[in-house]
Protein backbone atom coordinates (compact mmCIF):
# COMPACT_ATOMS: atom_id res chain seq x y z
CA MET A 1 -22.46 3.13 1.14
CA LEU A 2 -19.51 5.13 2.33
CA PRO A 3 -20.22 7.34 5.35
CA THR A 4 -19.24 11.07 5.28
CA ASP A 5 -15.75 11.80 6.40
CA THR A 6 -14.49 8.30 5.51
CA GLU A 7 -10.78 8.30 4.32
CA ILE A 8 -10.71 7.29 0.72
CA HIS A 9 -7.97 6.92 -1.85
CA ILE A 10 -8.01 7.07 -5.59
CA GLN A 11 -5.30 5.42 -7.84
CA ASP A 12 -3.31 7.66 -10.16
CA PRO A 13 -4.50 6.53 -13.53
CA THR A 14 -1.37 7.78 -15.27
CA LYS A 15 0.98 5.46 -13.34
CA ALA A 16 0.55 2.14 -15.29
CA GLY A 17 1.69 -0.99 -13.54
CA ALA A 18 2.11 0.87 -10.03
CA ARG A 19 -0.53 1.47 -7.26
CA VAL A 20 0.05 5.17 -6.56
CA LEU A 21 -2.52 6.35 -4.19
CA HIS A 22 -3.86 9.76 -3.36
CA ARG A 23 -5.80 10.28 -0.05
CA GLY A 24 -9.07 12.25 0.33
CA THR A 25 -12.27 12.25 2.22
CA VAL A 26 -15.89 11.55 1.50
CA ALA A 27 -17.89 14.64 1.62
CA ALA A 28 -21.36 13.16 0.89
CA THR A 29 -22.91 9.68 -0.27
CA THR A 30 -26.17 9.38 -2.08
CA GLY A 31 -26.82 5.87 -3.26
CA GLU A 32 -24.06 4.92 -5.53
CA VAL A 33 -22.76 8.53 -5.90
CA VAL A 34 -19.87 9.46 -3.69
CA THR A 35 -18.65 13.13 -3.49
CA ALA A 36 -15.05 13.16 -2.42
CA ALA A 37 -12.29 15.86 -2.03
CA PHE A 38 -8.59 15.24 -2.54
CA GLY A 39 -5.57 17.42 -2.00
CA ASP A 40 -2.38 17.52 -3.83
CA VAL A 41 -3.52 15.60 -7.00
CA ARG A 42 -1.24 16.27 -9.96
CA PHE A 43 -3.38 14.45 -12.72
CA ALA A 44 -6.45 15.49 -14.43
CA LEU A 45 -9.77 13.61 -14.40
CA GLY A 46 -12.59 13.46 -16.87
CA ALA A 47 -16.28 12.70 -17.01
CA ASP A 48 -16.83 8.88 -17.41
CA GLN A 49 -13.33 8.11 -16.73
CA PRO A 50 -12.79 4.88 -14.87
CA ILE A 51 -11.06 5.10 -11.57
CA ALA A 52 -10.03 2.71 -8.70
CA LEU A 53 -11.06 3.43 -5.06
CA PHE A 54 -9.43 2.18 -1.99
CA PHE A 55 -10.73 2.54 1.56
CA GLU A 56 -11.08 0.57 4.83
CA GLN A 57 -13.92 -1.65 5.32
CA LYS A 58 -14.43 -3.83 8.41
CA ARG A 59 -10.78 -3.17 9.18
CA LYS A 60 -9.62 -4.40 5.82
CA PHE A 61 -8.17 -2.45 2.94
CA VAL A 62 -10.50 -2.95 0.02
CA GLN A 63 -10.71 -1.69 -3.71
CA GLN A 64 -13.82 -0.80 -5.65
CA SER A 65 -14.28 0.26 -9.19
CA ALA A 66 -15.92 3.58 -10.06
CA ARG A 67 -16.22 6.09 -12.82
CA VAL A 68 -16.08 9.84 -12.67
CA ALA A 69 -19.58 11.35 -12.91
CA ALA A 70 -18.44 14.89 -12.67
CA VAL A 71 -15.46 17.09 -11.72
CA LEU A 72 -16.73 19.88 -9.34
CA GLU A 73 -13.59 21.58 -8.39
CA THR A 74 -9.89 21.34 -9.48
CA ASP A 75 -8.23 24.16 -7.35
CA PRO A 76 -7.07 24.34 -4.66
CA ARG A 77 -8.23 20.85 -4.22
CA LEU A 78 -9.87 18.24 -6.49
CA VAL A 79 -13.59 17.53 -5.83
CA VAL A 80 -15.35 14.87 -7.81
CA GLU A 81 -18.54 12.85 -7.88
CA LEU A 82 -17.79 9.15 -8.38
CA VAL A 83 -20.26 6.41 -9.29
CA THR A 84 -19.17 3.08 -7.73
CA THR A 85 -19.71 -0.10 -9.58
CA GLY A 86 -19.80 -3.68 -8.28
CA GLU A 87 -18.70 -4.71 -4.79
CA PRO A 88 -15.61 -3.90 -2.95
CA VAL A 89 -12.79 -6.65 -3.09
CA SER A 90 -9.77 -7.06 -1.03
CA ALA A 91 -6.87 -4.74 -2.00
CA GLU A 92 -4.44 -7.25 -0.12
CA GLU A 93 -4.31 -9.67 -2.89
CA ARG A 94 -0.64 -10.85 -3.35
CA GLU A 95 0.40 -11.22 -7.06
CA PHE A 96 3.76 -12.44 -5.89
CA TYR A 97 4.51 -15.39 -3.52
CA ARG A 98 5.66 -14.13 -0.20
CA ILE A 99 8.13 -16.05 2.00
CA SER A 100 7.90 -15.91 5.90
CA THR A 101 10.82 -14.16 7.47
CA VAL A 102 10.03 -14.74 11.15
CA SER A 103 13.00 -16.84 11.70
CA ALA A 104 15.33 -15.03 9.22
CA GLU A 105 16.27 -12.14 11.43
CA VAL A 106 15.59 -9.64 8.87
CA GLU A 107 14.74 -6.02 10.15
CA ALA A 108 13.36 -2.97 8.46
CA ASP A 109 13.37 0.68 9.16
CA VAL A 110 10.09 2.55 8.07
CA ASN A 111 9.88 6.32 8.16
CA GLY A 112 12.58 6.56 10.78
CA GLU A 113 11.24 3.79 12.99
CA ALA A 114 14.10 1.44 13.39
CA GLY A 115 14.17 -2.36 14.08
CA CYS A 116 10.69 -3.22 12.68
CA ALA A 117 10.31 -7.09 12.46
CA LEU A 118 9.89 -8.26 8.97
CA VAL A 119 7.12 -10.93 8.76
CA ASP A 120 7.23 -11.90 5.10
CA VAL A 121 8.81 -10.81 1.90
CA SER A 122 8.24 -11.07 -1.87
CA SER A 123 9.95 -9.45 -4.86
CA MET A 124 7.46 -6.67 -4.85
CA GLY A 125 6.57 -6.15 -1.19
CA PHE A 126 6.74 -7.18 2.45
CA ALA A 127 5.04 -7.05 5.87
CA ILE A 128 6.36 -5.75 9.07
CA ILE A 129 5.33 -5.19 12.74
CA ALA A 130 5.68 -1.69 13.85
CA ARG A 131 4.36 0.79 16.52
CA ALA A 132 4.08 4.01 14.38
CA ILE A 133 0.70 4.99 12.81
CA HIS A 134 0.42 4.85 9.18
CA GLY A 135 -2.84 5.02 7.13
CA PRO A 136 -3.67 2.94 4.12
CA GLY A 137 -2.21 4.44 1.09
CA ALA A 138 0.48 6.37 2.85
CA VAL A 139 3.82 6.49 1.05
CA VAL A 140 6.81 6.06 3.16
CA THR A 141 10.51 5.54 3.07
CA SER A 142 11.90 2.22 3.99
CA SER A 143 15.16 0.13 4.30
CA LEU A 144 15.86 -3.43 4.78
CA ARG A 145 19.00 -5.11 6.38
CA TYR A 146 19.98 -8.62 5.70
CA GLY A 147 23.24 -10.52 5.30
CA GLY A 148 25.30 -7.17 5.98
CA LYS A 149 23.65 -5.35 3.26
CA GLU A 150 21.07 -2.46 3.38
CA HIS A 151 18.49 -1.84 0.74
CA GLN A 152 16.56 1.56 0.68
CA GLY A 153 13.42 2.71 -1.16
CA THR A 154 9.83 3.95 -1.18
CA VAL A 155 6.77 1.87 -0.37
CA CYS A 156 2.97 2.32 -0.12
CA VAL A 157 0.92 1.03 2.82
CA GLN A 158 -1.64 -1.45 1.50
CA SER A 159 -2.96 -3.00 4.58
CA VAL A 160 -3.14 -2.04 8.35
CA ARG A 161 -4.07 -4.55 11.13
CA ASP A 162 -3.87 -3.77 14.96
CA ILE A 163 -2.55 -6.80 16.62
CA GLY A 164 -2.59 -5.47 20.12
CA ARG A 165 0.04 -4.40 22.73
CA GLY A 166 0.59 -1.18 20.73
CA LEU A 167 1.71 -3.13 17.64
CA ILE A 168 0.49 -2.88 14.11
CA ARG A 169 1.00 -5.08 11.21
CA TYR A 170 1.54 -3.42 7.85
CA GLY A 171 1.47 -4.82 4.33
CA LEU A 172 3.79 -2.69 2.05
CA ARG A 173 4.34 -2.59 -1.60
CA TYR A 174 7.24 -1.25 -3.42
CA LEU A 175 6.52 1.80 -5.61
CA ASP A 176 8.12 1.26 -9.00
CA ASP A 177 7.82 4.86 -10.15
CA GLU A 178 9.73 8.18 -10.14
CA ALA A 179 8.98 8.44 -6.30
CA SER A 180 11.11 5.49 -5.75
CA ALA A 181 14.85 6.04 -4.89
CA GLY A 182 17.62 3.64 -3.89
CA ASN A 183 18.03 -0.19 -4.23
CA LEU A 184 14.97 -1.53 -2.46
CA LYS A 185 13.63 -3.27 -5.55
CA ASP A 186 16.71 -5.22 -6.07
CA GLY A 187 17.05 -5.88 -2.32
CA LEU A 188 13.63 -7.47 -2.19
CA ARG A 189 14.44 -9.96 -4.89
CA GLN A 190 17.84 -10.68 -3.07
CA VAL A 191 16.19 -11.00 0.36
CA SER A 192 13.43 -13.26 -1.06
CA LEU A 193 15.82 -15.64 -2.64
CA ALA A 194 18.28 -15.59 0.22
CA VAL A 195 15.57 -16.45 2.87
CA GLU A 196 14.11 -19.03 0.61
CA ARG A 197 17.51 -20.80 0.11
CA ALA A 198 18.20 -20.77 3.82
CA MET A 199 14.71 -22.25 4.53
CA LEU A 200 15.37 -25.07 2.00
CA GLN A 201 18.89 -25.72 3.62
CA ARG A 202 17.30 -26.00 7.03
CA ARG A 203 14.63 -28.37 5.84
CA SER A 204 17.17 -30.51 4.01
CA GLY A 205 19.53 -30.60 7.13
CA ASN A 206 22.48 -29.00 5.08
CA SER A 207 22.48 -25.66 7.06
């Protein structure tokens, strides 16, 4: 059961192949029925439509299937009744192999915070250590610097973990939709391959 005032996110069903999340708040919960309000939603929902929910549970970012029971309000905000199905599962699953970049001296800038240490990287996302506060589902701008090149684009916060000393570990996923700009997608592939090659060279003693 989701408590009242829990921050919750719904996935835009019109963005096939991309996790585009919209933030809202739980207004009430009765059994498996969740009433939630969302602002700035630009897509329509209908009764019995399946939808994916995302929220934090025990300090983990999780996903749960649901269906729209009723649309109560559409303007100025979207208010819906959602019926949850099944159990929440981790939303931090990595469909793409990520490579550790701790020793690769790769840095990222995220929403203006410069010099965030890059922890790992894949062709579709990466993890950083930062100080600024970003909530799960937040869409932020980012750039990576490696090998004298800079790659910029838009990412979505998938996971948040406080690691102490004012530092937060974020899992970020590249947004492959019209919100994206720049060359970050190509940059992620290039950085992944370059870091992997450098790692293999070190292990073989050819570096």
